């Protein structure tokens, strides 16, 4: 069957007999867990498939299932592993019972992440074996070997696909489900399951021995992932390539008609099969190392005198190794010139041919966050606006997002900004913005801390009843589960906020801009006077969830419009555009979803409902 790479990984997980699968959504990994649920339903397995409130939660649920002898997996994106790093580092030392697979999808580029970090470094850091697939089919096959390796050595194994593997499509062979028929059986053994310092002193040397044994296996028994593609004659260059870089190199050499370059494929970058690598290097005058995104393979090579890579500037130290970039690197290593146009020329030509004007990403037409941001900025124009990871990061276009670090940091940044001004004896409005899913992910600890320490700021929870940025997944505030016939229990968002100790909390309709301006001011006054957080929940369903909502056709009165661009600069809707020739704003019917919110935006009353009504 032709599958998305993430679907192939999910199919492999179900076929391999995984019985507990947990994840937190994050592009490029988001399709994996829903696909596990889909295959589990189709193949009628008893696999438990659940979203965790965050990646740490997901990892720990899966880890504990493996303690009881079940095959388990945890799925996340590369920055999600930062959240799960604490248990990941500890569990690496355990002698696991059931196979435990950690799937971490990396995002070289990056395309949809705050970093392009390399999870293979985390594998090295934790001393756990890593599989680095170059195709969807290989990723699926690696799942089986990763589970077998995990159970042979009692260790976590990492499968690390990158975005081009996750989102490629390939024909993949379907297999039957491995029948394990294991009953859950947790055997009490504190030396095995409790990470006390005394136990770590025993387990760490054992972990090192596991790594040595696994390296030997990667040398001898994994030739299907680690192998040489020899040159036709004497090689003018050797290339060591891992992951998607191997696929890129092989396609390029074929299109270039080059038979004088030999390639060593590395599918298990940690622990590196060093003898295989050393033997390959010895046969060549110079060897190019191509991997995304950090020099993980390169760093493990002891003698680098022949190596051309990131450490000596031959390979870019940031960004994707796209085909046109790799081609230039190869030709430079051969002492030849690049005949084709650079990447920028390809892009420029495409833009000219398509006759398009590039523009920044922006919130969808009708997105309730746009109305919320507009109300916040109009209410407290001199405020500071820390925000979070999600769709609402696009509030930068409305000048209502001033600082973003990671998930949950809007709340803790608000605390830090409050303290910075407090020590000076000054005061400035602070409004933090966070989504409903992100609040459950990591916002609650920061809010409880702010209540405890009496930090004065407004927290605006932008509740669109969905995890929108990553494709519409559920979360505790929605309560839906993935397997057919299973129901979760919805956690009330307002009650969760109250549980953090917040006294001033109001839930409002996000589209009601005029009323919400007043409530933002009221919330700040309360926070300031009582020295504690005030919380506003701006609630309205995502337009992708409720496109059939009531329509309010709008128009711009061309006589009233003075061309000030206020609506363009501060409301920033794709349905509102500016005619540079006429110096007037107008409604672009191709994008307008008739939410009617923009009627409240124009300071001159130029945006009207279809019947001429003003705000």
Protein backbone atom coordinates (compact mmCIF):
# COMPACT_ATOMS: atom_id res chain seq x y z
CA UNK A 1 0.00 0.00 0.00
CA UNK A 2 1.22 3.52 -0.73
CA UNK A 3 1.58 5.26 2.62
CA UNK A 4 2.76 8.43 4.23
CA UNK A 5 6.01 7.77 6.09
CA UNK A 6 4.28 8.37 9.42
CA UNK A 7 1.53 5.90 8.46
CA UNK A 8 4.18 3.31 7.62
CA UNK A 9 5.84 3.79 11.01
CA UNK A 10 2.45 3.43 12.70
CA UNK A 11 1.68 0.27 10.73
CA UNK A 12 5.01 -1.20 11.81
CA UNK A 13 4.30 -0.37 15.45
CA UNK A 14 0.96 -2.19 15.35
CA UNK A 15 2.32 -5.15 13.35
CA UNK A 16 5.24 -5.50 15.80
CA UNK A 17 2.83 -6.19 18.66
CA UNK A 18 2.88 -2.86 20.47
CA UNK A 19 0.10 -2.82 23.06
CA UNK A 20 0.52 0.65 24.62
CA UNK A 21 1.10 3.66 22.35
CA UNK A 22 1.25 7.21 23.73
CA UNK A 23 2.14 10.58 22.19
CA UNK A 24 1.76 14.31 22.23
CA UNK A 25 1.14 15.84 18.77
CA UNK A 26 3.83 17.90 17.08
CA UNK A 27 4.71 18.33 13.42
CA UNK A 28 6.25 16.33 11.77
CA UNK A 29 5.18 13.44 14.05
CA UNK A 30 1.47 14.23 14.43
CA UNK A 31 0.05 11.63 12.01
CA UNK A 32 1.69 8.65 13.74
CA UNK A 33 -0.59 8.11 16.76
CA UNK A 34 -3.90 8.56 14.85
CA UNK A 35 -2.55 6.08 12.27
CA UNK A 36 -1.72 3.62 15.08
CA UNK A 37 -5.36 3.90 16.20
CA UNK A 38 -6.53 3.39 12.62
CA UNK A 39 -4.41 0.27 12.05
CA UNK A 40 -5.29 -1.09 15.51
CA UNK A 41 -8.99 -0.77 14.64
CA UNK A 42 -8.54 -2.34 11.19
CA UNK A 43 -6.38 -5.20 12.47
CA UNK A 44 -8.54 -5.65 15.59
CA UNK A 45 -5.66 -5.46 18.09
CA UNK A 46 -6.14 -4.53 21.72
CA UNK A 47 -3.59 -1.71 21.56
CA UNK A 48 -4.18 1.14 24.00
CA UNK A 49 -3.71 4.38 22.03
CA UNK A 50 -3.71 7.62 23.99
CA UNK A 51 -2.67 11.26 23.80
CA UNK A 52 -0.71 12.38 26.85
CA UNK A 53 -1.15 15.88 28.23
CA UNK A 54 2.50 16.45 27.22
CA UNK A 55 5.49 14.46 25.99
CA UNK A 56 6.81 13.69 29.48
CA UNK A 57 3.44 12.21 30.41
CA UNK A 58 3.33 10.15 27.20
CA UNK A 59 6.87 8.84 27.68
CA UNK A 60 6.30 7.85 31.30
CA UNK A 61 3.04 6.03 30.53
CA UNK A 62 4.72 4.01 27.80
CA UNK A 63 7.80 3.35 29.92
CA UNK A 64 5.74 1.96 32.81
CA UNK A 65 3.85 -0.32 30.40
CA UNK A 66 7.21 -1.76 29.32
CA UNK A 67 8.05 -2.34 33.02
CA UNK A 68 5.03 -4.67 33.06
CA UNK A 69 6.30 -6.58 30.01
CA UNK A 70 4.22 -4.95 27.28
CA UNK A 71 5.68 -3.65 24.03
CA UNK A 72 5.14 0.10 24.18
CA UNK A 73 6.00 3.24 22.25
CA UNK A 74 6.10 6.97 22.85
CA UNK A 75 5.88 9.39 19.90
CA UNK A 76 6.85 13.06 19.75
CA UNK A 77 8.73 15.68 17.74
CA UNK A 78 12.29 16.72 18.45
CA UNK A 79 11.48 19.61 20.81
CA UNK A 80 9.02 17.32 22.56
CA UNK A 81 11.96 15.20 23.62
CA UNK A 82 13.21 18.24 25.54
CA UNK A 83 10.03 17.97 27.62
CA UNK A 84 10.50 14.20 28.05
CA UNK A 85 14.26 14.42 28.62
CA UNK A 86 14.06 13.86 32.38
CA UNK A 87 12.44 10.40 32.26
CA UNK A 88 14.30 9.52 29.05
CA UNK A 89 17.68 9.94 30.73
CA UNK A 90 16.59 7.91 33.77
CA UNK A 91 14.84 5.06 31.95
CA UNK A 92 17.93 4.57 29.75
CA UNK A 93 19.57 3.02 32.84
CA UNK A 94 16.75 0.56 33.53
CA UNK A 95 16.74 -3.12 32.55
CA UNK A 96 13.43 -3.00 30.68
CA UNK A 97 11.10 -5.98 30.40
CA UNK A 98 8.92 -5.25 27.37
CA UNK A 99 10.26 -3.61 24.22
CA UNK A 100 10.14 0.20 24.40
CA UNK A 101 10.39 2.27 21.23
CA UNK A 102 10.76 6.04 21.29
CA UNK A 103 9.85 7.65 17.97
CA UNK A 104 11.23 11.19 17.66
CA UNK A 105 10.53 13.07 14.42
CA UNK A 106 13.18 15.69 13.66
CA UNK A 107 12.56 18.86 11.66
CA UNK A 108 15.71 19.98 9.79
CA UNK A 109 15.11 23.36 8.26
CA UNK A 110 13.23 23.92 10.48
CA UNK A 111 9.76 23.97 8.90
CA UNK A 112 7.48 24.07 11.95
CA UNK A 113 9.67 24.11 15.04
CA UNK A 114 11.55 26.50 17.29
CA UNK A 115 14.81 24.56 16.74
CA UNK A 116 16.32 22.13 14.22
CA UNK A 117 18.03 20.11 16.95
CA UNK A 118 19.23 16.58 16.22
CA UNK A 119 17.70 13.85 18.39
CA UNK A 120 20.58 11.51 17.58
CA UNK A 121 22.57 13.68 20.00
CA UNK A 122 19.97 12.86 22.66
CA UNK A 123 20.49 9.17 21.89
CA UNK A 124 24.23 9.65 22.44
CA UNK A 125 23.54 11.70 25.56
CA UNK A 126 21.34 8.99 27.08
CA UNK A 127 23.46 6.14 25.63
CA UNK A 128 20.56 4.45 23.83
CA UNK A 129 20.69 2.94 20.32
CA UNK A 130 19.31 5.00 17.44
CA UNK A 131 17.87 3.97 14.06
CA UNK A 132 17.94 6.62 11.30
CA UNK A 133 15.67 5.67 8.35
CA UNK A 134 16.16 6.96 4.82
CA UNK A 135 12.75 5.86 3.43
CA UNK A 136 9.24 5.13 4.67
CA UNK A 137 9.64 1.40 4.01
CA UNK A 138 12.94 1.29 5.88
CA UNK A 139 11.39 3.19 8.81
CA UNK A 140 8.68 0.53 9.07
CA UNK A 141 11.22 -2.28 8.93
CA UNK A 142 13.38 -0.62 11.57
CA UNK A 143 10.45 -0.68 14.01
CA UNK A 144 10.64 -4.48 14.21
CA UNK A 145 14.42 -4.51 14.70
CA UNK A 146 14.21 -1.73 17.28
CA UNK A 147 11.72 -3.72 19.36
CA UNK A 148 13.80 -6.91 19.09
CA UNK A 149 16.97 -5.01 20.05
CA UNK A 150 15.15 -3.36 22.95
CA UNK A 151 14.10 -6.70 24.36
CA UNK A 152 17.46 -8.42 23.80
CA UNK A 153 19.27 -5.75 25.78
CA UNK A 154 16.47 -4.38 28.01
CA UNK A 155 16.99 -0.85 26.69
CA UNK A 156 15.01 2.02 25.17
CA UNK A 157 15.53 2.26 21.40
CA UNK A 158 15.06 5.40 19.34
CA UNK A 159 13.64 5.62 15.82
CA UNK A 160 14.50 9.03 14.45
CA UNK A 161 12.77 9.87 11.15
CA UNK A 162 13.17 13.38 9.75
CA UNK A 163 10.47 15.48 8.10
CA UNK A 164 11.23 14.21 4.57
CA UNK A 165 10.80 10.60 5.72
CA UNK A 166 7.71 11.40 7.81
CA UNK A 167 5.96 13.12 4.92
CA UNK A 168 7.18 11.15 1.92
CA UNK A 169 4.90 8.60 0.25
CA UNK A 170 6.07 5.13 -0.68
CA UNK A 171 4.72 1.68 -1.42
CA UNK A 172 5.05 -0.33 1.79
CA UNK A 173 4.58 -4.05 2.35
CA UNK A 174 1.81 -5.04 4.78
CA UNK A 175 2.46 -7.86 7.25
CA UNK A 176 0.45 -9.74 9.84
CA UNK A 177 0.53 -8.68 13.48
CA UNK A 178 3.18 -10.39 15.60
CA UNK A 179 1.31 -12.45 18.19
CA UNK A 180 3.08 -12.09 21.55
CA UNK A 181 0.22 -13.02 23.90
CA UNK A 182 1.90 -11.55 26.96
CA UNK A 183 0.03 -10.81 30.14
CA UNK A 184 0.94 -7.68 32.06
CA UNK A 185 3.26 -8.74 34.86
CA UNK A 186 5.10 -6.19 36.96
CA UNK A 187 7.68 -7.80 39.21
CA UNK A 188 8.77 -5.72 42.18
CA UNK A 189 12.52 -5.06 42.16
CA UNK A 190 13.71 -1.71 43.48
CA UNK A 191 17.21 -2.13 42.01
CA UNK A 192 15.60 -2.49 38.60
CA UNK A 193 12.85 0.12 38.72
CA UNK A 194 13.93 2.79 41.23
CA UNK A 195 16.53 5.31 40.03
CA UNK A 196 18.29 5.89 43.33
CA UNK A 197 21.90 7.15 43.14
CA UNK A 198 23.14 3.85 44.59
CA UNK A 199 21.38 1.93 41.82
CA UNK A 200 22.65 4.27 39.10
CA UNK A 201 26.22 3.57 40.19
CA UNK A 202 25.53 -0.08 39.40
CA UNK A 203 23.37 0.43 36.30
CA UNK A 204 25.53 2.97 34.49
CA UNK A 205 28.43 0.52 33.92
CA UNK A 206 25.84 -2.02 32.76
CA UNK A 207 24.47 0.55 30.31
CA UNK A 208 27.99 1.04 28.93
CA UNK A 209 28.30 -2.74 28.42
CA UNK A 210 24.96 -2.75 26.59
CA UNK A 211 26.26 -0.04 24.26
CA UNK A 212 29.43 -2.04 23.50
CA UNK A 213 27.36 -5.14 22.73
CA UNK A 214 24.92 -3.20 20.54
CA UNK A 215 27.80 -1.62 18.62
CA UNK A 216 29.08 -5.11 17.85
CA UNK A 217 25.61 -6.10 16.62
CA UNK A 218 25.44 -3.05 14.40
CA UNK A 219 28.83 -4.07 12.92
CA UNK A 220 27.92 -7.72 12.27
CA UNK A 221 24.18 -8.20 11.97
CA UNK A 222 22.67 -5.01 10.58
CA UNK A 223 24.14 -5.00 7.07
CA UNK A 224 20.68 -4.18 5.68
CA UNK A 225 21.00 -0.73 7.29
CA UNK A 226 24.78 -0.26 7.20
CA UNK A 227 26.37 -1.09 3.86
CA UNK A 228 28.59 0.21 1.08
CA UNK A 229 27.46 1.10 -2.44
CA UNK A 230 30.83 0.82 -4.22
CA UNK A 231 32.08 2.94 -7.12
CA UNK A 232 32.39 1.29 -10.56
CA UNK A 233 36.17 1.57 -10.47
CA UNK A 234 38.59 3.52 -8.31
CA UNK A 235 36.57 5.97 -6.25
CA UNK A 236 37.43 9.64 -6.61
CA UNK A 237 35.43 10.36 -3.44
CA UNK A 238 33.84 8.45 -0.57
CA UNK A 239 30.60 9.61 1.03
CA UNK A 240 29.24 8.52 4.39
CA UNK A 241 25.54 9.35 4.54
CA UNK A 242 22.81 8.70 7.07
CA UNK A 243 19.04 9.05 7.07
CA UNK A 244 17.39 11.05 4.29
CA UNK A 245 20.81 12.33 3.19
CA UNK A 246 21.57 8.83 1.86
CA UNK A 247 18.43 8.90 -0.30
CA UNK A 248 19.33 12.37 -1.58
CA UNK A 249 22.90 11.31 -2.41
CA UNK A 250 21.80 8.17 -4.29
CA UNK A 251 19.25 10.11 -6.35
CA UNK A 252 21.82 12.80 -7.14
CA UNK A 253 24.57 10.38 -8.19
CA UNK A 254 22.08 8.66 -10.48
CA UNK A 255 20.93 11.94 -12.07
CA UNK A 256 24.53 13.16 -12.38
CA UNK A 257 25.62 9.87 -13.95
CA UNK A 258 28.46 9.53 -11.44
CA UNK A 259 29.91 6.02 -11.07
CA UNK A 260 33.20 7.14 -9.51
CA UNK A 261 31.85 7.82 -6.01
CA UNK A 262 31.33 5.15 -3.35
CA UNK A 263 28.77 5.61 -0.59
CA UNK A 264 28.60 4.09 2.89
CA UNK A 265 25.06 4.07 4.24
CA UNK A 266 24.70 4.36 8.01
CA UNK A 267 21.25 3.51 9.35
CA UNK A 268 22.36 3.07 12.98
CA UNK A 269 24.26 6.28 13.83
CA UNK A 270 24.55 5.48 17.55
CA UNK A 271 26.39 3.54 18.69
CA UNK A 272 28.29 3.94 15.42
CA UNK A 273 29.69 0.78 13.79
CA UNK A 274 33.16 2.31 13.92
CA UNK A 275 35.10 -0.58 12.36
CA UNK A 276 32.87 -0.46 9.27
CA UNK A 277 33.37 3.31 9.06
CA UNK A 278 37.13 3.15 9.65
CA UNK A 279 37.58 0.48 6.96
CA UNK A 280 35.62 2.63 4.48
CA UNK A 281 37.66 5.75 5.24
CA UNK A 282 40.93 3.81 4.86
CA UNK A 283 40.04 2.99 1.23
CA UNK A 284 39.63 6.64 0.17
CA UNK A 285 41.79 9.73 -0.09
CA UNK A 286 38.94 11.91 1.19
CA UNK A 287 35.52 11.17 2.64
CA UNK A 288 32.51 13.50 2.77
CA UNK A 289 30.11 13.02 5.70
CA UNK A 290 26.50 14.03 5.00
CA UNK A 291 23.95 13.90 7.83
CA UNK A 292 21.17 16.08 9.23
CA UNK A 293 21.55 18.23 11.21
CA UNK A 294 24.47 17.83 13.65
CA UNK A 295 27.80 16.00 13.19
CA UNK A 296 26.74 12.90 15.14
CA UNK A 297 28.41 10.34 12.87
CA UNK A 298 31.35 12.67 12.25
CA UNK A 299 32.04 13.20 15.97
CA UNK A 300 32.31 9.46 16.56
CA UNK A 301 35.01 9.04 13.90
CA UNK A 302 38.35 8.91 15.73
CA UNK A 303 40.68 9.77 12.82
CA UNK A 304 39.17 12.73 10.95
CA UNK A 305 42.26 13.56 8.85
CA UNK A 306 40.48 12.52 5.62
CA UNK A 307 37.02 13.68 6.64
CA UNK A 308 35.15 16.59 5.03
CA UNK A 309 32.16 17.54 7.14
CA UNK A 310 30.53 20.06 9.39
CA UNK A 311 33.41 20.32 11.82
CA UNK A 312 35.82 21.69 9.20
CA UNK A 313 33.30 23.77 7.25
CA UNK A 314 32.74 21.56 4.20
CA UNK A 315 29.07 21.03 5.08
CA UNK A 316 26.74 23.85 6.26
CA UNK A 317 26.20 23.82 10.00
CA UNK A 318 22.51 24.79 9.76
CA UNK A 319 19.54 24.09 7.52
CA UNK A 320 18.35 21.13 5.48
CA UNK A 321 20.71 19.31 3.15
CA UNK A 322 18.47 19.82 0.13
CA UNK A 323 19.45 18.16 -3.17
CA UNK A 324 20.79 21.37 -4.71
CA UNK A 325 22.93 22.00 -1.62
CA UNK A 326 24.25 18.44 -1.54
CA UNK A 327 25.09 18.62 -5.23
CA UNK A 328 27.18 21.72 -4.62
CA UNK A 329 28.99 20.08 -1.68
CA UNK A 330 29.82 16.96 -3.72
CA UNK A 331 31.14 18.92 -6.69
CA UNK A 332 33.19 21.17 -4.40
CA UNK A 333 34.71 18.08 -2.77
CA UNK A 334 35.58 16.80 -6.27
CA UNK A 335 37.10 20.16 -7.22
CA UNK A 336 34.43 20.78 -9.83
CA UNK A 337 32.05 23.70 -10.37
CA UNK A 338 28.30 23.64 -9.87
CA UNK A 339 26.62 24.06 -13.25
CA UNK A 340 23.04 24.33 -11.99
CA UNK A 341 21.50 27.45 -10.46
CA UNK A 342 21.58 27.89 -6.70
CA UNK A 343 18.46 27.40 -4.58
CA UNK A 344 17.56 31.10 -4.58
CA UNK A 345 17.44 31.20 -8.38
CA UNK A 346 15.05 28.22 -8.49
CA UNK A 347 12.75 29.94 -6.02
CA UNK A 348 12.92 33.31 -7.78
CA UNK A 349 12.08 31.76 -11.13
CA UNK A 350 9.15 29.80 -9.70
CA UNK A 351 7.71 32.92 -8.06
CA UNK A 352 7.99 34.85 -11.33
CA UNK A 353 6.32 32.09 -13.34
CA UNK A 354 3.46 31.69 -10.88
CA UNK A 355 3.03 35.47 -10.58
CA UNK A 356 2.57 35.34 -6.81
CA UNK A 357 3.49 37.77 -4.06
CA UNK A 358 5.01 36.00 -1.04
CA UNK A 359 3.53 37.01 2.30
CA UNK A 360 4.02 36.04 5.91
CA UNK A 361 2.02 33.17 7.40
CA UNK A 362 -1.10 34.46 9.14
CA UNK A 363 -4.05 33.23 11.14
CA UNK A 364 -6.88 31.66 9.12
CA UNK A 365 -9.83 33.84 8.09
CA UNK A 366 -12.30 33.89 10.95
CA UNK A 367 -9.77 32.61 13.50
CA UNK A 368 -11.00 33.61 16.96
CA UNK A 369 -7.43 34.34 18.09
CA UNK A 370 -7.33 37.34 15.75
CA UNK A 371 -10.28 38.94 17.54
CA UNK A 372 -8.76 38.14 20.95
CA UNK A 373 -5.40 39.68 20.04
CA UNK A 374 -7.10 42.77 18.66
CA UNK A 375 -9.09 43.28 21.88
CA UNK A 376 -5.96 42.82 24.03
CA UNK A 377 -3.90 45.36 22.09
CA UNK A 378 -6.71 47.91 21.96
CA UNK A 379 -7.29 47.57 25.71
CA UNK A 380 -3.63 47.77 26.81
CA UNK A 381 -1.59 49.22 23.92
CA UNK A 382 1.48 49.81 26.11
CA UNK A 383 1.46 46.27 27.49
CA UNK A 384 4.05 43.50 27.15
CA UNK A 385 2.73 40.35 25.48
CA UNK A 386 4.61 37.10 26.14
CA UNK A 387 3.11 34.20 24.19
CA UNK A 388 3.49 30.52 23.42
CA UNK A 389 3.91 27.83 20.77
CA UNK A 390 0.85 27.28 18.59
CA UNK A 391 -1.31 29.02 16.00
CA UNK A 392 -1.43 32.08 18.22
CA UNK A 393 2.30 32.70 17.73
CA UNK A 394 1.07 34.35 14.51
CA UNK A 395 -0.16 37.14 16.73
CA UNK A 396 3.23 38.68 15.95
CA UNK A 397 1.52 40.09 12.86
CA UNK A 398 -0.86 42.02 15.10
CA UNK A 399 1.98 43.21 17.32
CA UNK A 400 0.51 41.28 20.24
CA UNK A 401 3.27 38.68 20.64
CA UNK A 402 6.53 40.04 22.01
CA UNK A 403 8.39 36.96 23.27
CA UNK A 404 8.09 33.19 22.70
CA UNK A 405 10.37 30.48 24.13
CA UNK A 406 8.54 27.16 24.26
CA UNK A 407 5.28 25.56 25.37
CA UNK A 408 4.08 27.00 28.66
CA UNK A 409 6.67 29.78 28.77
CA UNK A 410 4.12 32.55 28.18
CA UNK A 411 3.01 32.14 31.79
CA UNK A 412 6.48 31.94 33.29
CA UNK A 413 7.74 34.80 31.12
CA UNK A 414 4.88 36.89 32.48
CA UNK A 415 6.13 36.11 35.99
CA UNK A 416 9.68 37.05 35.06
CA UNK A 417 8.62 40.30 33.41
CA UNK A 418 6.52 41.19 36.44
CA UNK A 419 9.48 40.57 38.78
CA UNK A 420 11.85 42.58 36.57
CA UNK A 421 9.60 45.62 36.90
CA UNK A 422 8.78 44.98 40.56
CA UNK A 423 12.41 45.19 41.68
CA UNK A 424 12.59 48.61 39.99
CA UNK A 425 9.39 49.74 41.63
CA UNK A 426 7.75 50.23 38.23
CA UNK A 427 4.56 48.91 36.75
CA UNK A 428 3.60 47.88 33.22
CA UNK A 429 0.62 45.84 31.99
CA UNK A 430 1.52 42.25 31.09
CA UNK A 431 -0.85 40.00 29.12
CA UNK A 432 0.30 36.45 28.42
CA UNK A 433 -1.43 34.38 25.74
CA UNK A 434 -1.61 30.59 25.63
CA UNK A 435 -3.83 28.02 23.87
CA UNK A 436 -6.15 25.54 25.55
CA UNK A 437 -4.07 22.48 24.61
CA UNK A 438 -0.85 24.24 25.57
CA UNK A 439 -2.30 25.26 28.92
CA UNK A 440 -2.89 21.59 29.77
CA UNK A 441 0.52 20.70 28.28
CA UNK A 442 2.69 23.00 30.39
CA UNK A 443 0.79 26.12 31.42
CA UNK A 444 -0.61 24.88 34.71
CA UNK A 445 2.66 24.61 36.69
CA UNK A 446 3.61 28.19 35.77
CA UNK A 447 0.19 29.49 36.72
CA UNK A 448 0.25 27.70 40.10
CA UNK A 449 3.70 29.20 40.72
CA UNK A 450 2.44 32.69 39.81
CA UNK A 451 -0.50 32.37 42.21
CA UNK A 452 1.79 31.11 44.97
CA UNK A 453 4.30 33.95 44.46
CA UNK A 454 1.62 36.63 43.88
CA UNK A 455 2.61 37.76 40.38
CA UNK A 456 0.40 40.40 38.80
CA UNK A 457 -0.42 39.80 35.14
CA UNK A 458 -3.32 38.78 32.91
CA UNK A 459 -3.31 35.30 31.40
CA UNK A 460 -5.44 35.05 28.26
CA UNK A 461 -6.24 31.42 27.41
CA UNK A 462 -7.24 31.29 23.75
CA UNK A 463 -9.65 28.36 23.78
CA UNK A 464 -10.52 27.18 20.27
CA UNK A 465 -11.41 23.67 21.52
CA UNK A 466 -8.77 21.90 19.45
CA UNK A 467 -5.03 21.37 19.06
CA UNK A 468 -5.15 23.31 15.81
CA UNK A 469 -1.51 23.88 14.84
CA UNK A 470 -0.72 20.17 14.58
CA UNK A 471 -3.86 19.02 12.80
CA UNK A 472 -6.81 19.06 15.18
CA UNK A 473 -5.94 16.50 17.85
CA UNK A 474 -7.81 16.10 21.13
CA UNK A 475 -6.55 17.12 24.58
CA UNK A 476 -7.87 16.89 28.17
CA UNK A 477 -10.12 19.91 27.64
CA UNK A 478 -11.90 18.12 24.78
CA UNK A 479 -11.97 14.60 26.17
CA UNK A 480 -12.14 12.63 22.90
CA UNK A 481 -10.05 9.46 22.48
CA UNK A 482 -8.56 7.83 19.39
CA UNK A 483 -9.83 4.24 19.36
CA UNK A 484 -13.34 3.60 18.09
CA UNK A 485 -15.85 3.08 20.87
CA UNK A 486 -13.65 4.67 23.54
CA UNK A 487 -14.69 7.81 25.38
CA UNK A 488 -12.57 10.02 27.59
CA UNK A 489 -13.65 12.46 30.26
CA UNK A 490 -13.46 16.17 29.54
CA UNK A 491 -11.48 18.30 32.00
CA UNK A 492 -13.22 21.65 32.47
CA UNK A 493 -10.76 24.41 31.61
CA UNK A 494 -12.19 26.98 33.99
CA UNK A 495 -12.17 24.48 36.87
CA UNK A 496 -8.55 23.59 36.06
CA UNK A 497 -7.65 27.28 36.32
CA UNK A 498 -9.48 27.55 39.63
CA UNK A 499 -7.57 24.49 40.79
CA UNK A 500 -4.34 26.44 40.28
CA UNK A 501 -5.62 28.93 42.86
CA UNK A 502 -6.84 31.70 40.55
CA UNK A 503 -9.69 33.79 42.02
CA UNK A 504 -10.50 36.18 39.14
CA UNK A 505 -11.50 34.19 36.06
CA UNK A 506 -14.00 34.86 33.30
CA UNK A 507 -14.90 32.97 30.12
CA UNK A 508 -15.87 35.24 27.22
CA UNK A 509 -16.94 34.95 23.58
CA UNK A 510 -13.76 35.65 21.59
CA UNK A 511 -15.63 37.40 18.77
CA UNK A 512 -17.12 40.02 21.12
CA UNK A 513 -14.31 42.53 20.60
CA UNK A 514 -15.90 45.59 22.20
CA UNK A 515 -16.90 43.82 25.42
CA UNK A 516 -13.56 42.03 25.64
CA UNK A 517 -11.60 45.30 25.49
CA UNK A 518 -13.31 46.33 28.73
CA UNK A 519 -12.74 42.92 30.36
CA UNK A 520 -9.02 42.96 29.55
CA UNK A 521 -8.74 46.33 31.31
CA UNK A 522 -10.76 45.00 34.24
CA UNK A 523 -8.58 41.91 34.51
CA UNK A 524 -5.39 43.98 34.58
CA UNK A 525 -6.78 46.33 37.22
CA UNK A 526 -7.66 43.35 39.41
CA UNK A 527 -4.25 41.71 38.92
CA UNK A 528 -2.46 44.98 39.71
CA UNK A 529 -4.49 45.82 42.80
CA UNK A 530 -4.47 42.30 44.27
CA UNK A 531 -0.96 41.29 43.16
CA UNK A 532 -2.06 37.99 41.61
CA UNK A 533 -2.87 36.62 38.16
CA UNK A 534 -6.24 37.23 36.53
CA UNK A 535 -7.39 34.83 33.81
CA UNK A 536 -9.58 35.48 30.79
CA UNK A 537 -10.66 32.50 28.66
CA UNK A 538 -11.41 33.69 25.13
CA UNK A 539 -13.64 30.89 23.84
CA UNK A 540 -14.73 30.24 20.25
CA UNK A 541 -14.33 27.07 18.15
CA UNK A 542 -11.61 26.89 15.52
CA UNK A 543 -12.99 27.73 12.06
CA UNK A 544 -11.75 24.34 10.86
CA UNK A 545 -14.12 22.79 13.42
CA UNK A 546 -17.14 25.00 12.81
CA UNK A 547 -17.07 26.48 9.29
CA UNK A 548 -20.90 26.38 9.16
CA UNK A 549 -21.32 29.07 11.84
CA UNK A 550 -23.60 32.08 11.28
CA UNK A 551 -22.48 34.23 8.36
CA UNK A 552 -22.28 38.03 8.47
CA UNK A 553 -21.43 39.39 5.00
CA UNK A 554 -19.27 42.51 5.21
CA UNK A 555 -18.14 45.29 2.90
CA UNK A 556 -15.84 48.32 3.04
CA UNK A 557 -17.51 51.68 2.46
CA UNK A 558 -15.07 53.19 -0.02
CA UNK A 559 -16.15 56.75 0.84
CA UNK A 560 -15.51 56.29 4.57
CA UNK A 561 -12.20 54.43 4.10
CA UNK A 562 -9.32 56.92 4.39
CA UNK A 563 -6.56 54.43 3.54
CA UNK A 564 -4.96 54.45 7.00
CA UNK A 565 -4.26 50.67 6.85
CA UNK A 566 -5.26 50.27 10.50
CA UNK A 567 -7.32 47.20 9.63
CA UNK A 568 -4.45 45.71 7.62
CA UNK A 569 -1.74 46.32 10.22
CA UNK A 570 -3.61 45.53 13.42
CA UNK A 571 -6.28 43.02 12.37
CA UNK A 572 -4.23 41.23 9.73
CA UNK A 573 -6.93 39.09 8.10
CA UNK A 574 -6.45 37.44 4.67
CA UNK A 575 -9.97 38.58 3.79
CA UNK A 576 -9.03 42.24 4.29
CA UNK A 577 -6.64 43.59 1.65
CA UNK A 578 -5.41 46.98 0.46
CA UNK A 579 -5.61 48.38 -3.04
CA UNK A 580 -2.37 50.35 -3.44
CA UNK A 581 -3.66 52.14 -6.53
CA UNK A 582 -6.91 53.36 -4.97
CA UNK A 583 -5.41 53.62 -1.45
CA UNK A 584 -8.47 51.87 -0.06
CA UNK A 585 -9.10 48.65 1.83
CA UNK A 586 -11.55 46.11 0.44
CA UNK A 587 -12.91 42.62 1.17
CA UNK A 588 -11.34 39.75 -0.77
CA UNK A 589 -14.30 37.39 -1.24
CA UNK A 590 -11.94 34.47 -1.96
CA UNK A 591 -10.82 34.41 1.66
CA UNK A 592 -13.53 36.13 3.70
CA UNK A 593 -15.54 33.61 5.77
CA UNK A 594 -18.06 36.24 6.86
CA UNK A 595 -17.33 36.00 10.59
CA UNK A 596 -18.24 39.69 10.91
CA UNK A 597 -15.56 40.50 13.49
CA UNK A 598 -13.90 43.13 11.30
CA UNK A 599 -17.00 45.33 11.59
CA UNK A 600 -15.59 46.27 15.03
CA UNK A 601 -12.13 47.10 13.72
CA UNK A 602 -12.14 50.24 11.59
CA UNK A 603 -11.76 53.39 13.73
CA UNK A 604 -13.63 55.34 11.03
CA UNK A 605 -16.59 52.97 10.73
CA UNK A 606 -15.79 52.06 7.12
CA UNK A 607 -16.31 48.29 7.52
CA UNK A 608 -20.02 47.53 7.48
CA UNK A 609 -22.34 44.55 7.46
CA UNK A 610 -24.10 43.87 4.18
CA UNK A 611 -27.13 45.80 5.39
CA UNK A 612 -24.97 48.81 6.24
CA UNK A 613 -24.75 48.11 9.99
CA UNK A 614 -21.77 49.45 11.94
CA UNK A 615 -20.17 48.01 15.06
